[in-house]
Amino acid sequence: MTPPNLAMNAVSTVRDLRAQVAEWKAEGLRVALVPTMGALHEGHLALVQQVMDVADRVVVSIFVNPAQFAAGEDFDSYPRTLEDDAAKLASTGPHLIYAPTARDMYPDGFVTEVRLGGPAEGLESEARPHFFHGVALVVSKLFNQVRPDVAVFGEKDYQQLMVIRRLVIDLDLDVEILAGETAREADGLARSSRNAYLNAEDRRRAGALNVILKDFGADLRSGMPASEAEASAVARARDAFDGVDYVTVRHAETLAKLGDGPVSDPARVLAAVKVGTTRLIDNIAV
């Protein structure tokens, strides 16, 4: 079955997806997957372009995953713009859109869960304890459905990237995980589908997040103790925004907490703040 009114090649069922991928594999072609929830922006298109260089065929999945939303979150209001997304992708060059329905992905009687530890603990899980279990579940299903040789995930969702890399290692999944650089607006704000929720004033204020993270990283590189640099960044974020879930520094690979002194290990500074009613996340390497 093909989703209606899409200008490029698209399927919505596992059966049709696997038939197409099987043809490619029979030809010895390398297949890439770009998982998305739609509402595509330039950051998503950059991920597509990135894997076009390392694969012969590219599948873009578009699925708003209910398993990663809790009650009261924005699942119902999350932008669904499938036809517009397909038009954007048509100019970028992927070979197939996979757009399953929730009933296709989670049919009646579905009961399986994926439980996580390690890099899934803390940070986003403090505010959204359900989130990574839902992400790991849908990504596991997508990997099994598409059977890609390579998949790409944006660094903007850095903790998610680390969780997926751990998932692939732990479950012996035969897929290479690439990281895509965070796409940013002119003022440094990380591109996100949820940026569409910001009104003009909140959008102006949101640009301060990247500035705070850059200054946090500079303080750490100068040798400032991590506890002092973090306290300064948190204070600035509380002055700038309507809520702060975290502004912190973690080990770049494990996301483990670091000591209070100067940082010597590879590190990442990460933040989640609320601007108006919109929750923004961002991170940069130290």
Protein backbone atom coordinates (compact mmCIF):
# COMPACT_ATOMS: atom_id res chain seq x y z
CA MET A 1 0.00 0.00 0.00
CA THR A 2 1.28 3.48 -0.92
CA PRO A 3 0.38 6.53 1.19
CA PRO A 4 -1.85 8.81 -0.91
CA ASN A 5 -0.83 12.00 -2.71
CA LEU A 6 2.94 11.59 -2.36
CA ALA A 7 5.10 12.64 -5.26
CA MET A 8 7.91 10.14 -4.67
CA ASN A 9 8.12 6.39 -4.08
CA ALA A 10 6.53 5.55 -0.73
CA VAL A 11 5.22 2.51 1.15
CA SER A 12 3.34 2.10 4.41
CA THR A 13 3.51 -1.65 5.13
CA VAL A 14 6.38 -3.88 6.23
CA ARG A 15 5.55 -6.26 3.39
CA ASP A 16 5.99 -3.63 0.69
CA LEU A 17 9.05 -2.19 2.42
CA ARG A 18 10.80 -5.55 2.65
CA ALA A 19 9.98 -6.40 -0.97
CA GLN A 20 11.72 -3.24 -2.15
CA VAL A 21 14.71 -3.60 0.16
CA ALA A 22 15.05 -7.29 -0.85
CA GLU A 23 15.39 -6.24 -4.49
CA TRP A 24 18.16 -3.81 -3.58
CA LYS A 25 19.97 -6.35 -1.43
CA ALA A 26 19.77 -8.93 -4.21
CA GLU A 27 21.65 -6.46 -6.39
CA GLY A 28 24.33 -6.13 -3.73
CA LEU A 29 23.37 -2.53 -2.92
CA ARG A 30 24.14 -0.85 0.42
CA VAL A 31 20.98 0.45 2.15
CA ALA A 32 20.77 3.37 4.59
CA LEU A 33 17.97 4.42 6.95
CA VAL A 34 17.17 7.93 8.13
CA PRO A 35 14.54 7.59 10.92
CA THR A 36 12.36 10.70 11.44
CA MET A 37 9.05 11.75 12.94
CA GLY A 38 8.37 14.02 9.99
CA ALA A 39 7.90 17.81 10.09
CA LEU A 40 11.18 17.80 8.23
CA HIS A 41 13.61 20.72 8.27
CA GLU A 42 17.08 21.37 6.87
CA GLY A 43 18.66 19.27 9.61
CA HIS A 44 16.78 16.17 8.45
CA LEU A 45 17.65 16.86 4.83
CA ALA A 46 21.32 17.17 5.78
CA LEU A 47 21.16 13.68 7.33
CA VAL A 48 19.74 12.34 4.07
CA GLN A 49 22.51 13.98 2.09
CA GLN A 50 25.10 12.59 4.51
CA VAL A 51 24.08 8.95 3.99
CA MET A 52 23.68 9.40 0.23
CA ASP A 53 27.48 9.52 0.20
CA VAL A 54 27.89 6.14 1.95
CA ALA A 55 24.96 4.08 0.61
CA ASP A 56 23.46 3.12 -2.73
CA ARG A 57 19.85 3.37 -1.56
CA VAL A 58 18.31 5.53 1.19
CA VAL A 59 15.06 4.92 3.08
CA VAL A 60 13.55 7.76 5.11
CA SER A 61 11.03 6.61 7.70
CA ILE A 62 8.33 9.04 8.83
CA PHE A 63 6.47 7.92 11.94
CA VAL A 64 5.27 9.88 14.97
CA ASN A 65 5.97 7.24 17.59
CA PRO A 66 3.31 7.11 20.32
CA ALA A 67 5.51 4.90 22.50
CA GLN A 68 7.86 7.81 23.28
CA PHE A 69 5.14 10.23 24.37
CA ALA A 70 3.62 10.22 27.85
CA ALA A 71 0.12 11.36 28.76
CA GLY A 72 -0.07 15.15 28.60
CA GLU A 73 2.80 15.52 26.11
CA ASP A 74 2.38 16.82 22.58
CA PHE A 75 1.62 13.61 20.67
CA ASP A 76 -1.74 14.87 19.38
CA SER A 77 -0.40 18.31 18.42
CA TYR A 78 2.95 17.15 17.03
CA PRO A 79 3.11 18.43 13.42
CA ARG A 80 2.17 15.85 10.79
CA THR A 81 3.09 17.15 7.35
CA LEU A 82 3.59 14.04 5.24
CA GLU A 83 2.88 15.56 1.83
CA ASP A 84 5.10 18.57 2.54
CA ASP A 85 7.82 16.25 3.85
CA ALA A 86 7.66 14.18 0.67
CA ALA A 87 8.00 17.33 -1.45
CA LYS A 88 11.12 18.34 0.49
CA LEU A 89 12.60 14.87 0.16
CA ALA A 90 11.92 14.75 -3.57
CA SER A 91 14.53 17.47 -4.07
CA THR A 92 17.04 15.75 -1.79
CA GLY A 93 17.13 12.34 -3.43
CA PRO A 94 16.25 9.45 -1.08
CA HIS A 95 14.90 6.39 -2.84
CA LEU A 96 11.97 5.44 -0.61
CA ILE A 97 9.70 6.89 2.10
CA TYR A 98 8.45 4.42 4.68
CA ALA A 99 5.40 5.87 6.43
CA PRO A 100 3.69 3.22 8.56
CA THR A 101 0.59 3.88 10.65
CA ALA A 102 0.50 3.35 14.41
CA ARG A 103 -1.68 0.28 13.82
CA ASP A 104 0.95 -1.11 11.44
CA MET A 105 3.72 -0.53 13.95
CA TYR A 106 1.83 -1.55 17.09
CA PRO A 107 -0.98 -3.92 16.07
CA ASP A 108 -3.66 -5.12 18.48
CA GLY A 109 -2.16 -7.30 21.19
CA PHE A 110 1.29 -5.68 21.07
CA VAL A 111 2.94 -6.05 24.51
CA THR A 112 6.72 -6.06 24.01
CA GLU A 113 8.93 -3.47 25.72
CA VAL A 114 12.63 -2.59 25.60
CA ARG A 115 14.25 -1.65 28.91
CA LEU A 116 17.47 0.33 29.14
CA GLY A 117 20.22 1.47 31.48
CA GLY A 118 23.62 3.10 31.03
CA PRO A 119 23.45 6.18 28.78
CA ALA A 120 19.64 6.18 29.02
CA GLU A 121 19.78 7.03 32.72
CA GLY A 122 19.43 10.62 33.93
CA LEU A 123 19.21 13.81 31.83
CA GLU A 124 16.19 13.35 29.52
CA SER A 125 15.00 10.37 31.55
CA GLU A 126 14.58 12.56 34.62
CA ALA A 127 11.86 14.59 32.92
CA ARG A 128 10.65 11.90 30.52
CA PRO A 129 11.26 8.46 32.12
CA HIS A 130 9.29 6.71 29.38
CA PHE A 131 11.11 8.34 26.48
CA PHE A 132 14.11 6.17 25.67
CA HIS A 133 12.21 2.93 26.16
CA GLY A 134 9.84 4.12 23.44
CA VAL A 135 12.71 5.26 21.22
CA ALA A 136 14.60 1.97 21.63
CA LEU A 137 11.44 0.01 20.84
CA VAL A 138 10.65 1.83 17.60
CA VAL A 139 14.28 1.95 16.46
CA SER A 140 14.63 -1.79 17.09
CA LYS A 141 11.52 -2.38 14.99
CA LEU A 142 12.72 -0.08 12.21
CA PHE A 143 16.10 -1.82 12.09
CA ASN A 144 14.36 -5.18 11.85
CA GLN A 145 11.92 -3.95 9.21
CA VAL A 146 14.36 -2.08 6.96
CA ARG A 147 17.47 -4.15 7.75
CA PRO A 148 19.75 -1.25 6.84
CA ASP A 149 23.51 -1.46 6.53
CA VAL A 150 23.84 2.03 7.99
CA ALA A 151 21.58 4.48 9.85
CA VAL A 152 22.12 8.11 10.80
CA PHE A 153 20.93 10.05 13.85
CA GLY A 154 21.46 13.73 14.60
CA GLU A 155 23.79 14.89 17.37
CA LYS A 156 21.14 17.40 18.47
CA ASP A 157 19.55 14.48 20.33
CA TYR A 158 22.90 13.44 21.72
CA GLN A 159 21.72 11.22 24.55
CA GLN A 160 19.44 9.41 22.10
CA LEU A 161 22.43 8.84 19.79
CA MET A 162 24.42 7.30 22.66
CA VAL A 163 21.47 5.12 23.67
CA ILE A 164 21.09 3.79 20.14
CA ARG A 165 24.80 3.09 19.81
CA ARG A 166 24.65 1.10 23.06
CA LEU A 167 21.53 -0.72 21.85
CA VAL A 168 23.28 -1.78 18.65
CA ILE A 169 26.29 -3.09 20.59
CA ASP A 170 24.28 -4.90 23.24
CA LEU A 171 21.85 -6.58 20.84
CA ASP A 172 24.49 -7.41 18.18
CA LEU A 173 22.57 -5.47 15.56
CA ASP A 174 24.35 -5.47 12.21
CA VAL A 175 23.99 -1.78 11.41
CA GLU A 176 26.55 1.03 11.38
CA ILE A 177 25.44 4.14 13.28
CA LEU A 178 26.52 7.51 11.94
CA ALA A 179 26.17 10.85 13.72
CA GLY A 180 24.91 13.91 11.91
CA GLU A 181 26.10 17.36 12.93
CA THR A 182 23.47 19.58 14.56
CA ALA A 183 21.87 21.97 12.08
CA ARG A 184 21.49 25.48 13.47
CA GLU A 185 19.71 28.73 12.79
CA ALA A 186 21.73 31.92 12.24
CA ASP A 187 21.67 32.72 15.99
CA GLY A 188 22.83 29.22 16.93
CA LEU A 189 19.46 27.73 17.90
CA ALA A 190 19.41 24.02 17.08
CA ARG A 191 16.87 23.24 14.38
CA SER A 192 13.94 21.22 15.70
CA SER A 193 10.42 20.45 14.56
CA ARG A 194 9.23 21.79 17.92
CA ASN A 195 10.68 25.23 17.18
CA ALA A 196 7.45 25.81 15.28
CA TYR A 197 5.73 26.10 18.68
CA LEU A 198 7.73 29.25 19.58
CA ASN A 199 6.10 32.65 19.25
CA ALA A 200 8.23 35.57 18.04
CA GLU A 201 9.38 36.68 21.50
CA ASP A 202 10.16 33.15 22.69
CA ARG A 203 12.03 32.47 19.46
CA ARG A 204 14.22 35.52 20.14
CA ARG A 205 14.96 34.32 23.67
CA ALA A 206 15.68 30.75 22.57
CA GLY A 207 18.91 31.75 20.83
CA ALA A 208 20.57 32.31 24.21
CA LEU A 209 20.74 28.57 24.86
CA ASN A 210 23.56 27.93 22.41
CA VAL A 211 25.46 30.96 23.72
CA ILE A 212 25.26 29.63 27.28
CA LEU A 213 26.51 26.21 26.17
CA LYS A 214 29.41 27.71 24.22
CA ASP A 215 30.46 29.77 27.22
CA PHE A 216 30.11 26.68 29.46
CA GLY A 217 32.43 24.76 27.14
CA ALA A 218 34.91 27.63 27.02
CA ASP A 219 35.02 27.76 30.82
CA LEU A 220 35.77 24.04 30.96
CA ARG A 221 38.48 24.29 28.32
CA SER A 222 40.10 27.11 30.29
CA GLY A 223 40.52 24.75 33.23
CA MET A 224 37.67 26.04 35.39
CA PRO A 225 36.45 23.30 37.77
CA ALA A 226 33.41 21.52 36.35
CA SER A 227 31.25 22.28 39.39
CA GLU A 228 31.98 26.03 39.13
CA ALA A 229 31.43 26.17 35.35
CA GLU A 230 28.19 24.24 35.65
CA ALA A 231 26.86 26.45 38.46
CA SER A 232 27.54 29.52 36.33
CA ALA A 233 25.78 28.05 33.29
CA VAL A 234 22.76 26.94 35.33
CA ALA A 235 22.40 30.39 36.87
CA ARG A 236 22.49 32.05 33.44
CA ALA A 237 19.93 29.60 32.08
CA ARG A 238 17.57 30.25 34.99
CA ASP A 239 17.78 33.99 34.27
CA ALA A 240 17.16 33.51 30.55
CA PHE A 241 14.42 30.88 30.42
CA ASP A 242 11.15 29.88 32.03
CA GLY A 243 12.39 26.54 33.33
CA VAL A 244 15.62 24.54 33.49
CA ASP A 245 15.64 20.74 33.58
CA TYR A 246 19.43 20.48 33.37
CA VAL A 247 22.56 22.23 32.19
CA THR A 248 25.45 19.89 32.84
CA VAL A 249 28.65 18.27 31.60
CA ARG A 250 29.01 14.53 31.05
CA HIS A 251 31.50 12.05 29.65
CA ALA A 252 31.13 12.26 25.87
CA GLU A 253 30.76 8.50 25.30
CA THR A 254 29.14 7.03 28.42
CA LEU A 255 27.28 10.15 29.63
CA ALA A 256 28.57 9.33 33.12
CA LYS A 257 28.91 12.20 35.57
CA LEU A 258 32.36 13.76 35.84
CA GLY A 259 34.17 14.94 38.93
CA ASP A 260 33.99 18.48 40.31
CA GLY A 261 37.49 19.48 39.20
CA PRO A 262 38.90 20.42 35.79
CA VAL A 263 37.69 18.18 32.96
CA SER A 264 40.28 15.93 31.32
CA ASP A 265 38.10 13.27 29.68
CA PRO A 266 36.26 13.82 26.38
CA ALA A 267 33.15 15.69 27.47
CA ARG A 268 29.81 17.01 26.28
CA VAL A 269 27.79 19.86 27.74
CA LEU A 270 24.05 19.31 27.50
CA ALA A 271 20.96 21.32 28.36
CA ALA A 272 17.19 21.13 28.44
CA VAL A 273 15.21 24.30 29.12
CA LYS A 274 11.69 25.58 28.72
CA VAL A 275 10.96 28.74 26.72
CA GLY A 276 7.31 29.64 27.16
CA THR A 277 5.57 26.28 26.83
CA THR A 278 8.22 24.79 24.54
CA ARG A 279 10.96 22.49 25.77
CA LEU A 280 14.30 22.84 23.98
CA ILE A 281 17.37 20.63 24.15
CA ASP A 282 20.88 21.23 22.87
CA ASN A 283 24.46 20.14 23.40
CA ILE A 284 27.98 20.83 22.19
CA ALA A 285 31.30 19.02 22.41
CA VAL A 286 33.95 20.27 24.83
